[in-house]
Amino acid sequence: MITSDSDLPPRLGNLTFHGPLSDARATRMIERLAAAEPADVLDIGCGWGELLLRVLENTPGAKGTGIDINAEDLARGRALAEERGLAERVAFVEESALGTDRGPVDAILCLGSSQALCDPDQPHDPAAALRELRRLVRPGGRVVLGEGFWERTPTDEELAGMWPGANAGDHLSLGSLVDLAIEAGFRPAWIETASSEEWEEFESGYRYDTEVWLAAHPDHPLAAETRERVDRQRSTWLNGYRRVLGITYLTLVAVG
């Protein structure tokens, strides 16, 4: 059977940000960042760059670069930039962030993407990621880092319900993470964490369009594969990391 694009399962169309981040929190983060009047902003693992575009809208004259390896998300970002009259001030580039030479800059966004700065053949190393972020930002510059942490130590049963191979060493406590940021050469100017409401908005929004599509297309050739995928994703949240895994948003200032 031949299917058109309109027949295919949708992808992330119901999300504003690719993470548990509300509009209200994003606005406050952007206001703090814009107050420093950065001239250049780098978004690592930018996706479609919604936060980057909002920073540029609130920082007249600033230019931005978003890097990611997902071509579909980058195309969405370029389209959004065009719609908002920002196409001349932002570039969306398909490339790896590992060892990037796109610094130093005045401000960096890295939300849920610090793994892009680490050796993919090694376990994720937040300390290495923070050292890279410090290398890429000028003294006095800002980094907004969105990073996972354990709200509490997960049980064996909860770990078994998470992603394949999940273990207690996959994340740190919030205190340990902030200590690493200080060791890397930052001062933690603002520390905040995603609320349960933000998590639920994200997790439901992540699957919403696909769930609606599955209800309308139960016999589609891609339905079984899609259903298995979203059911597995939902289970890892509900039976694994819900109220165990947290996300912190750290506004870090590079020590001069």
C-alpha atoms as a PDB file:
ATOM      1  CA  MET A   1       0.000   0.000   0.000  1.00  0.00           C
ATOM      2  CA  ILE A   2       1.259   3.477  -0.889  1.00  0.00           C
ATOM      3  CA  THR A   3       0.801   6.089   1.833  1.00  0.00           C
ATOM      4  CA  SER A   4       1.053   9.868   1.614  1.00  0.00           C
ATOM      5  CA  ASP A   5       2.753  12.057   4.211  1.00  0.00           C
ATOM      6  CA  SER A   6      -0.666  13.023   5.545  1.00  0.00           C
ATOM      7  CA  ASP A   7      -1.335   9.344   6.314  1.00  0.00           C
ATOM      8  CA  LEU A   8       1.835   8.891   8.353  1.00  0.00           C
ATOM      9  CA  PRO A   9       2.015   9.097  12.156  1.00  0.00           C
ATOM     10  CA  PRO A  10       2.669  12.713  13.261  1.00  0.00           C
ATOM     11  CA  ARG A  11       5.834  13.640  15.148  1.00  0.00           C
ATOM     12  CA  LEU A  12       6.006  16.095  18.049  1.00  0.00           C
ATOM     13  CA  GLY A  13       3.573  18.558  16.507  1.00  0.00           C
ATOM     14  CA  ASN A  14       1.862  19.228  19.840  1.00  0.00           C
ATOM     15  CA  LEU A  15       5.032  20.347  21.649  1.00  0.00           C
ATOM     16  CA  THR A  16       6.311  23.891  22.008  1.00  0.00           C
ATOM     17  CA  PHE A  17       9.537  22.798  23.673  1.00  0.00           C
ATOM     18  CA  HIS A  18      11.139  19.371  23.497  1.00  0.00           C
ATOM     19  CA  GLY A  19      11.178  18.965  27.259  1.00  0.00           C
ATOM     20  CA  PRO A  20       9.162  19.630  30.444  1.00  0.00           C
ATOM     21  CA  LEU A  21       9.295  23.422  30.187  1.00  0.00           C
ATOM     22  CA  SER A  22       6.307  25.742  30.554  1.00  0.00           C
ATOM     23  CA  ASP A  23       5.858  29.033  28.739  1.00  0.00           C
ATOM     24  CA  ALA A  24       5.944  30.874  32.068  1.00  0.00           C
ATOM     25  CA  ARG A  25       9.261  29.336  33.123  1.00  0.00           C
ATOM     26  CA  ALA A  26      10.760  29.848  29.669  1.00  0.00           C
ATOM     27  CA  THR A  27       9.778  33.529  29.772  1.00  0.00           C
ATOM     28  CA  ARG A  28      11.528  34.044  33.105  1.00  0.00           C
ATOM     29  CA  MET A  29      14.648  32.239  31.929  1.00  0.00           C
ATOM     30  CA  ILE A  30      14.753  34.316  28.757  1.00  0.00           C
ATOM     31  CA  GLU A  31      14.318  37.573  30.668  1.00  0.00           C
ATOM     32  CA  ARG A  32      17.290  36.761  32.873  1.00  0.00           C
ATOM     33  CA  LEU A  33      19.391  35.799  29.872  1.00  0.00           C
ATOM     34  CA  ALA A  34      18.377  38.826  27.799  1.00  0.00           C
ATOM     35  CA  ALA A  35      19.213  41.177  30.680  1.00  0.00           C
ATOM     36  CA  ALA A  36      22.889  40.339  30.106  1.00  0.00           C
ATOM     37  CA  GLU A  37      22.530  41.541  26.464  1.00  0.00           C
ATOM     38  CA  PRO A  38      24.406  38.691  24.760  1.00  0.00           C
ATOM     39  CA  ALA A  39      25.717  39.419  21.269  1.00  0.00           C
ATOM     40  CA  ASP A  40      25.829  35.779  20.231  1.00  0.00           C
ATOM     41  CA  VAL A  41      23.898  32.735  21.407  1.00  0.00           C
ATOM     42  CA  LEU A  42      24.697  29.080  20.779  1.00  0.00           C
ATOM     43  CA  ASP A  43      22.010  26.419  21.189  1.00  0.00           C
ATOM     44  CA  ILE A  44      23.456  22.913  21.536  1.00  0.00           C
ATOM     45  CA  GLY A  45      21.051  20.140  20.544  1.00  0.00           C
ATOM     46  CA  CYS A  46      18.636  22.868  19.516  1.00  0.00           C
ATOM     47  CA  GLY A  47      15.900  20.748  17.921  1.00  0.00           C
ATOM     48  CA  TRP A  48      13.623  23.301  16.258  1.00  0.00           C
ATOM     49  CA  GLY A  49      15.145  26.077  18.402  1.00  0.00           C
ATOM     50  CA  GLU A  50      12.021  27.529  20.023  1.00  0.00           C
ATOM     51  CA  LEU A  51      13.912  28.818  23.050  1.00  0.00           C
ATOM     52  CA  LEU A  52      16.720  30.192  20.881  1.00  0.00           C
ATOM     53  CA  LEU A  53      14.233  32.088  18.719  1.00  0.00           C
ATOM     54  CA  ARG A  54      12.562  33.569  21.784  1.00  0.00           C
ATOM     55  CA  VAL A  55      15.918  34.697  23.166  1.00  0.00           C
ATOM     56  CA  LEU A  56      16.664  36.474  19.881  1.00  0.00           C
ATOM     57  CA  GLU A  57      13.230  38.090  19.879  1.00  0.00           C
ATOM     58  CA  ASN A  58      14.003  39.506  23.321  1.00  0.00           C
ATOM     59  CA  THR A  59      17.595  40.525  22.554  1.00  0.00           C
ATOM     60  CA  PRO A  60      17.664  42.990  19.644  1.00  0.00           C
ATOM     61  CA  GLY A  61      20.830  42.700  17.566  1.00  0.00           C
ATOM     62  CA  ALA A  62      21.883  39.325  18.941  1.00  0.00           C
ATOM     63  CA  LYS A  63      22.661  36.512  16.531  1.00  0.00           C
ATOM     64  CA  GLY A  64      22.168  32.838  17.162  1.00  0.00           C
ATOM     65  CA  THR A  65      23.343  29.446  15.983  1.00  0.00           C
ATOM     66  CA  GLY A  66      21.509  26.217  16.634  1.00  0.00           C
ATOM     67  CA  ILE A  67      23.261  22.895  16.082  1.00  0.00           C
ATOM     68  CA  ASP A  68      21.620  19.490  15.984  1.00  0.00           C
ATOM     69  CA  ILE A  69      21.840  16.256  14.020  1.00  0.00           C
ATOM     70  CA  ASN A  70      18.103  15.974  13.296  1.00  0.00           C
ATOM     71  CA  ALA A  71      17.451  17.449   9.856  1.00  0.00           C
ATOM     72  CA  GLU A  72      13.662  17.416  10.279  1.00  0.00           C
ATOM     73  CA  ASP A  73      13.795  19.471  13.472  1.00  0.00           C
ATOM     74  CA  LEU A  74      16.273  21.912  11.932  1.00  0.00           C
ATOM     75  CA  ALA A  75      13.995  22.442   8.930  1.00  0.00           C
ATOM     76  CA  ARG A  76      11.141  23.216  11.321  1.00  0.00           C
ATOM     77  CA  GLY A  77      13.398  25.734  13.074  1.00  0.00           C
ATOM     78  CA  ARG A  78      14.277  27.482   9.817  1.00  0.00           C
ATOM     79  CA  ALA A  79      10.603  27.736   8.926  1.00  0.00           C
ATOM     80  CA  LEU A  80       9.789  29.226  12.338  1.00  0.00           C
ATOM     81  CA  ALA A  81      12.647  31.727  11.990  1.00  0.00           C
ATOM     82  CA  GLU A  82      11.316  32.798   8.593  1.00  0.00           C
ATOM     83  CA  GLU A  83       7.800  33.255   9.982  1.00  0.00           C
ATOM     84  CA  ARG A  84       9.094  35.461  12.801  1.00  0.00           C
ATOM     85  CA  GLY A  85      11.429  37.587  10.695  1.00  0.00           C
ATOM     86  CA  LEU A  86      14.544  36.131  12.331  1.00  0.00           C
ATOM     87  CA  ALA A  87      16.034  34.252   9.389  1.00  0.00           C
ATOM     88  CA  GLU A  88      18.844  36.800   8.978  1.00  0.00           C
ATOM     89  CA  ARG A  89      19.860  36.520  12.621  1.00  0.00           C
ATOM     90  CA  VAL A  90      19.910  32.769  13.149  1.00  0.00           C
ATOM     91  CA  ALA A  91      21.499  29.728  11.521  1.00  0.00           C
ATOM     92  CA  PHE A  92      20.353  26.153  12.037  1.00  0.00           C
ATOM     93  CA  VAL A  93      23.252  23.815  11.300  1.00  0.00           C
ATOM     94  CA  GLU A  94      23.206  20.031  10.982  1.00  0.00           C
ATOM     95  CA  GLU A  95      26.364  18.902  12.751  1.00  0.00           C
ATOM     96  CA  SER A  96      27.670  17.175  15.859  1.00  0.00           C
ATOM     97  CA  ALA A  97      28.411  19.254  18.946  1.00  0.00           C
ATOM     98  CA  LEU A  98      31.269  16.984  19.998  1.00  0.00           C
ATOM     99  CA  GLY A  99      34.422  19.101  20.108  1.00  0.00           C
ATOM    100  CA  THR A 100      32.643  21.998  18.419  1.00  0.00           C
ATOM    101  CA  ASP A 101      34.635  25.143  17.658  1.00  0.00           C
ATOM    102  CA  ARG A 102      31.584  27.422  17.654  1.00  0.00           C
ATOM    103  CA  GLY A 103      32.684  29.235  20.784  1.00  0.00           C
ATOM    104  CA  PRO A 104      33.389  31.276  22.682  1.00  0.00           C
ATOM    105  CA  VAL A 105      30.015  33.019  22.781  1.00  0.00           C
ATOM    106  CA  ASP A 106      28.156  35.194  25.264  1.00  0.00           C
ATOM    107  CA  ALA A 107      25.341  32.733  25.948  1.00  0.00           C
ATOM    108  CA  ILE A 108      24.670  29.025  25.531  1.00  0.00           C
ATOM    109  CA  LEU A 109      21.459  27.047  25.673  1.00  0.00           C
ATOM    110  CA  CYS A 110      21.835  23.328  26.341  1.00  0.00           C
ATOM    111  CA  LEU A 111      18.537  21.808  27.382  1.00  0.00           C
ATOM    112  CA  GLY A 112      18.483  18.048  27.674  1.00  0.00           C
ATOM    113  CA  SER A 113      21.402  17.810  25.252  1.00  0.00           C
ATOM    114  CA  SER A 114      24.597  17.704  27.311  1.00  0.00           C
ATOM    115  CA  GLN A 115      25.243  14.174  26.045  1.00  0.00           C
ATOM    116  CA  ALA A 116      26.007  15.780  22.668  1.00  0.00           C
ATOM    117  CA  LEU A 117      29.180  17.208  24.226  1.00  0.00           C
ATOM    118  CA  CYS A 118      30.435  13.839  25.496  1.00  0.00           C
ATOM    119  CA  ASP A 119      32.173  10.835  23.957  1.00  0.00           C
ATOM    120  CA  PRO A 120      29.296   8.679  22.628  1.00  0.00           C
ATOM    121  CA  ASP A 121      31.305   5.519  23.336  1.00  0.00           C
ATOM    122  CA  GLN A 122      31.514   6.319  27.053  1.00  0.00           C
ATOM    123  CA  PRO A 123      28.847   6.712  29.769  1.00  0.00           C
ATOM    124  CA  HIS A 124      27.363  10.188  29.936  1.00  0.00           C
ATOM    125  CA  ASP A 125      29.682  12.416  31.968  1.00  0.00           C
ATOM    126  CA  PRO A 126      28.067  15.633  33.280  1.00  0.00           C
ATOM    127  CA  ALA A 127      31.450  16.875  34.526  1.00  0.00           C
ATOM    128  CA  ALA A 128      32.933  16.611  31.023  1.00  0.00           C
ATOM    129  CA  ALA A 129      29.881  18.332  29.551  1.00  0.00           C
ATOM    130  CA  LEU A 130      30.166  21.206  32.020  1.00  0.00           C
ATOM    131  CA  ARG A 131      33.864  21.635  31.226  1.00  0.00           C
ATOM    132  CA  GLU A 132      32.976  21.840  27.542  1.00  0.00           C
ATOM    133  CA  LEU A 133      30.281  24.423  28.229  1.00  0.00           C
ATOM    134  CA  ARG A 134      32.804  26.501  30.175  1.00  0.00           C
ATOM    135  CA  ARG A 135      35.230  26.278  27.248  1.00  0.00           C
ATOM    136  CA  LEU A 136      32.545  27.526  24.875  1.00  0.00           C
ATOM    137  CA  VAL A 137      31.348  30.549  26.858  1.00  0.00           C
ATOM    138  CA  ARG A 138      33.189  33.803  27.513  1.00  0.00           C
ATOM    139  CA  PRO A 139      34.011  34.929  31.057  1.00  0.00           C
ATOM    140  CA  GLY A 140      30.884  36.506  32.494  1.00  0.00           C
ATOM    141  CA  GLY A 141      28.749  34.746  29.906  1.00  0.00           C
ATOM    142  CA  ARG A 142      25.636  32.728  30.688  1.00  0.00           C
ATOM    143  CA  VAL A 143      24.735  29.091  30.197  1.00  0.00           C
ATOM    144  CA  VAL A 144      21.208  27.785  30.597  1.00  0.00           C
ATOM    145  CA  LEU A 145      21.597  24.070  31.217  1.00  0.00           C
ATOM    146  CA  GLY A 146      18.680  21.661  31.382  1.00  0.00           C
ATOM    147  CA  GLU A 147      19.902  18.437  32.958  1.00  0.00           C
ATOM    148  CA  GLY A 148      18.359  15.321  34.457  1.00  0.00           C
ATOM    149  CA  PHE A 149      18.905  14.405  38.103  1.00  0.00           C
ATOM    150  CA  TRP A 150      17.449  11.903  40.522  1.00  0.00           C
ATOM    151  CA  GLU A 151      14.760  13.361  42.776  1.00  0.00           C
ATOM    152  CA  ARG A 152      15.492  10.318  44.940  1.00  0.00           C
ATOM    153  CA  THR A 153      17.399   7.090  44.474  1.00  0.00           C
ATOM    154  CA  PRO A 154      15.294   4.852  42.202  1.00  0.00           C
ATOM    155  CA  THR A 155      14.289   1.384  43.344  1.00  0.00           C
ATOM    156  CA  ASP A 156      15.300  -1.705  41.383  1.00  0.00           C
ATOM    157  CA  GLU A 157      11.699  -2.065  40.222  1.00  0.00           C
ATOM    158  CA  GLU A 158      11.620   1.518  38.949  1.00  0.00           C
ATOM    159  CA  LEU A 159      14.946   1.091  37.162  1.00  0.00           C
ATOM    160  CA  ALA A 160      13.614  -2.051  35.478  1.00  0.00           C
ATOM    161  CA  GLY A 161      10.720   0.001  34.126  1.00  0.00           C
ATOM    162  CA  MET A 162      12.927   2.711  32.602  1.00  0.00           C
ATOM    163  CA  TRP A 163      15.096   2.718  29.494  1.00  0.00           C
ATOM    164  CA  PRO A 164      17.164  -0.397  28.658  1.00  0.00           C
ATOM    165  CA  GLY A 165      20.121  -0.770  30.989  1.00  0.00           C
ATOM    166  CA  ALA A 166      18.986   1.992  33.356  1.00  0.00           C
ATOM    167  CA  ASN A 167      20.969   2.124  36.599  1.00  0.00           C
ATOM    168  CA  ALA A 168      21.310   4.424  39.570  1.00  0.00           C
ATOM    169  CA  GLY A 169      24.565   5.811  38.179  1.00  0.00           C
ATOM    170  CA  ASP A 170      22.844   7.293  35.129  1.00  0.00           C
ATOM    171  CA  HIS A 171      22.141  10.556  36.985  1.00  0.00           C
ATOM    172  CA  LEU A 172      23.368  12.526  39.982  1.00  0.00           C
ATOM    173  CA  SER A 173      21.535  14.278  42.779  1.00  0.00           C
ATOM    174  CA  LEU A 174      20.790  17.959  42.239  1.00  0.00           C
ATOM    175  CA  GLY A 175      23.352  18.976  44.829  1.00  0.00           C
ATOM    176  CA  SER A 176      26.097  16.909  43.203  1.00  0.00           C
ATOM    177  CA  LEU A 177      25.268  18.351  39.788  1.00  0.00           C
ATOM    178  CA  VAL A 178      25.497  21.935  41.037  1.00  0.00           C
ATOM    179  CA  ASP A 179      28.796  21.136  42.749  1.00  0.00           C
ATOM    180  CA  LEU A 180      30.156  19.937  39.388  1.00  0.00           C
ATOM    181  CA  ALA A 181      29.070  23.189  37.752  1.00  0.00           C
ATOM    182  CA  ILE A 182      31.005  25.171  40.346  1.00  0.00           C
ATOM    183  CA  GLU A 183      34.068  22.950  39.876  1.00  0.00           C
ATOM    184  CA  ALA A 184      33.881  23.569  36.114  1.00  0.00           C
ATOM    185  CA  GLY A 185      34.152  27.347  36.599  1.00  0.00           C
ATOM    186  CA  PHE A 186      30.569  28.571  36.983  1.00  0.00           C
ATOM    187  CA  ARG A 187      28.493  30.264  39.632  1.00  0.00           C
ATOM    188  CA  PRO A 188      24.908  28.946  39.832  1.00  0.00           C
ATOM    189  CA  ALA A 189      22.928  32.177  39.506  1.00  0.00           C
ATOM    190  CA  TRP A 190      19.541  30.454  39.362  1.00  0.00           C
ATOM    191  CA  ILE A 191      18.473  26.910  40.225  1.00  0.00           C
ATOM    192  CA  GLU A 192      14.990  25.655  39.373  1.00  0.00           C
ATOM    193  CA  THR A 193      13.365  22.323  38.608  1.00  0.00           C
ATOM    194  CA  ALA A 194      10.517  21.199  36.365  1.00  0.00           C
ATOM    195  CA  SER A 195       7.202  20.747  38.160  1.00  0.00           C
ATOM    196  CA  SER A 196       5.027  17.635  37.956  1.00  0.00           C
ATOM    197  CA  GLU A 197       2.605  19.669  35.833  1.00  0.00           C
ATOM    198  CA  GLU A 198       5.365  20.521  33.347  1.00  0.00           C
ATOM    199  CA  TRP A 199       6.337  16.842  33.180  1.00  0.00           C
ATOM    200  CA  GLU A 200       2.750  15.777  32.511  1.00  0.00           C
ATOM    201  CA  GLU A 201       2.281  18.443  29.836  1.00  0.00           C
ATOM    202  CA  PHE A 202       5.445  17.254  28.119  1.00  0.00           C
ATOM    203  CA  GLU A 203       4.878  13.523  28.401  1.00  0.00           C
ATOM    204  CA  SER A 204       1.261  13.734  27.226  1.00  0.00           C
ATOM    205  CA  GLY A 205       2.065  16.294  24.546  1.00  0.00           C
ATOM    206  CA  TYR A 206       4.916  14.119  23.287  1.00  0.00           C
ATOM    207  CA  ARG A 207       2.475  11.359  22.380  1.00  0.00           C
ATOM    208  CA  TYR A 208      -0.813  13.233  21.938  1.00  0.00           C
ATOM    209  CA  ASP A 209      -0.902  13.558  18.154  1.00  0.00           C
ATOM    210  CA  THR A 210       0.311  10.000  17.688  1.00  0.00           C
ATOM    211  CA  GLU A 211      -2.296   8.602  20.093  1.00  0.00           C
ATOM    212  CA  VAL A 212      -5.049  10.449  18.231  1.00  0.00           C
ATOM    213  CA  TRP A 213      -3.649   9.140  14.928  1.00  0.00           C
ATOM    214  CA  LEU A 214      -3.591   5.566  16.257  1.00  0.00           C
ATOM    215  CA  ALA A 215      -7.216   5.818  17.337  1.00  0.00           C
ATOM    216  CA  ALA A 216      -8.173   6.934  13.822  1.00  0.00           C
ATOM    217  CA  HIS A 217      -5.914   4.493  11.932  1.00  0.00           C
ATOM    218  CA  PRO A 218      -5.986   1.174  13.872  1.00  0.00           C
ATOM    219  CA  ASP A 219      -5.421  -0.888  10.713  1.00  0.00           C
ATOM    220  CA  HIS A 220      -2.810   1.315   9.044  1.00  0.00           C
ATOM    221  CA  PRO A 221       0.310  -0.605   7.891  1.00  0.00           C
ATOM    222  CA  LEU A 222       2.398   1.403  10.373  1.00  0.00           C
ATOM    223  CA  ALA A 223      -0.081   1.171  13.257  1.00  0.00           C
ATOM    224  CA  ALA A 224       1.348  -1.907  14.985  1.00  0.00           C
ATOM    225  CA  GLU A 225       4.910  -0.574  14.928  1.00  0.00           C
ATOM    226  CA  THR A 226       3.796   2.880  16.071  1.00  0.00           C
ATOM    227  CA  ARG A 227       1.561   1.505  18.810  1.00  0.00           C
ATOM    228  CA  GLU A 228       4.377  -0.652  20.208  1.00  0.00           C
ATOM    229  CA  ARG A 229       6.727   2.336  20.260  1.00  0.00           C
ATOM    230  CA  VAL A 230       4.417   4.772  22.034  1.00  0.00           C
ATOM    231  CA  ASP A 231       3.200   2.138  24.483  1.00  0.00           C
ATOM    232  CA  ARG A 232       6.818   1.418  25.411  1.00  0.00           C
ATOM    233  CA  GLN A 233       7.594   5.137  25.788  1.00  0.00           C
ATOM    234  CA  ARG A 234       4.575   5.712  28.001  1.00  0.00           C
ATOM    235  CA  SER A 235       5.429   2.722  30.162  1.00  0.00           C
ATOM    236  CA  THR A 236       8.968   3.945  30.831  1.00  0.00           C
ATOM    237  CA  TRP A 237       7.455   7.129  32.252  1.00  0.00           C
ATOM    238  CA  LEU A 238       4.503   5.741  34.204  1.00  0.00           C
ATOM    239  CA  ASN A 239       6.225   2.584  35.454  1.00  0.00           C
ATOM    240  CA  GLY A 240       9.758   3.917  35.636  1.00  0.00           C
ATOM    241  CA  TYR A 241      10.941   7.490  36.016  1.00  0.00           C
ATOM    242  CA  ARG A 242       7.741   9.387  36.898  1.00  0.00           C
ATOM    243  CA  ARG A 243       8.441  11.449  40.043  1.00  0.00           C
ATOM    244  CA  VAL A 244      11.879   9.848  40.262  1.00  0.00           C
ATOM    245  CA  LEU A 245      13.762  11.592  37.450  1.00  0.00           C
ATOM    246  CA  GLY A 246      13.826  15.357  37.673  1.00  0.00           C
ATOM    247  CA  ILE A 247      14.958  18.068  35.293  1.00  0.00           C
ATOM    248  CA  THR A 248      16.792  21.090  36.612  1.00  0.00           C
ATOM    249  CA  TYR A 249      17.286  24.327  34.722  1.00  0.00           C
ATOM    250  CA  LEU A 250      20.506  25.960  35.856  1.00  0.00           C
ATOM    251  CA  THR A 251      21.386  29.502  34.852  1.00  0.00           C
ATOM    252  CA  LEU A 252      25.164  29.493  35.184  1.00  0.00           C
ATOM    253  CA  VAL A 253      27.556  32.453  34.995  1.00  0.00           C
ATOM    254  CA  ALA A 254      31.117  31.788  33.829  1.00  0.00           C
ATOM    255  CA  VAL A 255      33.697  32.952  36.318  1.00  0.00           C
ATOM    256  CA  GLY A 256      36.014  35.599  34.869  1.00  0.00           C
END
